[in-house]
């Protein structure tokens, strides 16, 4: 193995470690926000809901979205824990 190969390998490792550390940091920031929201809700604040499905489906959306919209927005497909 040439010296230049080792340097490139080290650079690649450092790049990967940097990216991973940023991802981990972002994940911990996300968890701290979720924890703060759960604490607010436990103290009586309004429960935050984030819709997993848009209110209106674009005509150009894939057929899966149209089929899911037709099913999950009916009485048969609705569930109290999934307020879409």
Protein backbone atom coordinates (compact mmCIF):
# COMPACT_ATOMS: atom_id res chain seq x y z
CA UNK A 1 0.00 0.00 0.00
CA UNK A 2 1.32 3.38 -0.98
CA UNK A 3 1.57 6.31 1.40
CA UNK A 4 -0.93 8.23 -0.76
CA UNK A 5 -3.47 5.38 -0.38
CA UNK A 6 -3.24 5.59 3.40
CA UNK A 7 -3.80 9.34 3.29
CA UNK A 8 -6.88 8.93 1.08
CA UNK A 9 -8.16 6.20 3.38
CA UNK A 10 -7.67 8.40 6.44
CA UNK A 11 -9.46 11.25 4.71
CA UNK A 12 -12.36 8.96 3.87
CA UNK A 13 -12.55 7.71 7.46
CA UNK A 14 -12.53 11.26 8.81
CA UNK A 15 -15.25 12.26 6.36
CA UNK A 16 -17.43 9.31 7.35
CA UNK A 17 -16.89 9.94 11.07
CA UNK A 18 -17.79 13.60 10.61
CA UNK A 19 -21.00 12.76 8.75
CA UNK A 20 -21.96 10.14 11.32
CA UNK A 21 -21.31 12.47 14.23
CA UNK A 22 -23.51 15.13 12.61
CA UNK A 23 -26.27 12.55 12.08
CA UNK A 24 -26.02 11.42 15.70
CA UNK A 25 -26.07 15.03 16.90
CA UNK A 26 -29.18 15.72 14.79
CA UNK A 27 -30.84 12.62 16.20
CA UNK A 28 -30.15 13.72 19.79
CA UNK A 29 -31.50 17.19 19.02
CA UNK A 30 -34.65 15.56 17.63
CA UNK A 31 -34.99 13.42 20.76
CA UNK A 32 -34.58 16.43 23.04
CA UNK A 33 -37.36 18.25 21.14
CA UNK A 34 -39.63 15.22 21.39
CA UNK A 35 -38.87 14.93 25.10
CA UNK A 36 -39.66 18.62 25.64
CA UNK A 37 -42.95 18.27 23.77
CA UNK A 38 -43.91 15.19 25.78
CA UNK A 39 -43.15 17.09 29.00
CA UNK A 40 -45.35 19.99 27.86
CA UNK A 41 -48.16 17.57 27.01
CA UNK A 42 -47.82 15.84 30.39
CA UNK A 43 -48.16 19.26 32.03
CA UNK A 44 -51.44 19.81 30.19
CA UNK A 45 -50.44 21.43 26.91
CA UNK A 46 -52.29 20.57 23.74
CA UNK A 47 -51.15 17.32 22.13
CA UNK A 48 -49.10 17.96 19.02
CA UNK A 49 -50.19 15.90 16.04
CA UNK A 50 -48.30 15.71 12.80
CA UNK A 51 -50.34 14.42 9.89
CA UNK A 52 -48.72 11.57 8.03
CA UNK A 53 -50.84 12.19 4.98
CA UNK A 54 -51.62 15.47 3.19
CA UNK A 55 -55.16 16.83 3.44
CA UNK A 56 -55.52 16.93 -0.31
CA UNK A 57 -53.92 14.60 -2.83
CA UNK A 58 -52.50 16.08 -6.01
CA UNK A 59 -53.81 14.57 -9.25
CA UNK A 60 -50.22 13.75 -10.23
CA UNK A 61 -49.51 11.78 -7.03
CA UNK A 62 -48.86 8.03 -7.34
CA UNK A 63 -51.92 5.80 -7.28
CA UNK A 64 -50.97 4.49 -3.82
CA UNK A 65 -51.76 7.89 -2.32
CA UNK A 66 -55.16 8.02 -3.99
CA UNK A 67 -56.01 4.48 -2.88
CA UNK A 68 -54.88 5.14 0.69
CA UNK A 69 -56.80 8.42 0.76
CA UNK A 70 -59.96 6.68 -0.42
CA UNK A 71 -59.62 3.98 2.24
CA UNK A 72 -58.25 5.74 5.32
CA UNK A 73 -60.63 8.67 5.11
CA UNK A 74 -63.68 6.41 5.28
CA UNK A 75 -65.39 5.21 8.45
CA UNK A 76 -64.02 1.73 7.77
CA UNK A 77 -60.41 2.86 7.49
CA UNK A 78 -60.33 5.49 10.23
CA UNK A 79 -58.84 4.80 13.64
CA UNK A 80 -59.00 7.02 16.72
CA UNK A 81 -55.20 6.85 17.19
CA UNK A 82 -54.54 7.89 13.60
CA UNK A 83 -56.39 11.18 13.10
CA UNK A 84 -55.86 11.64 9.40
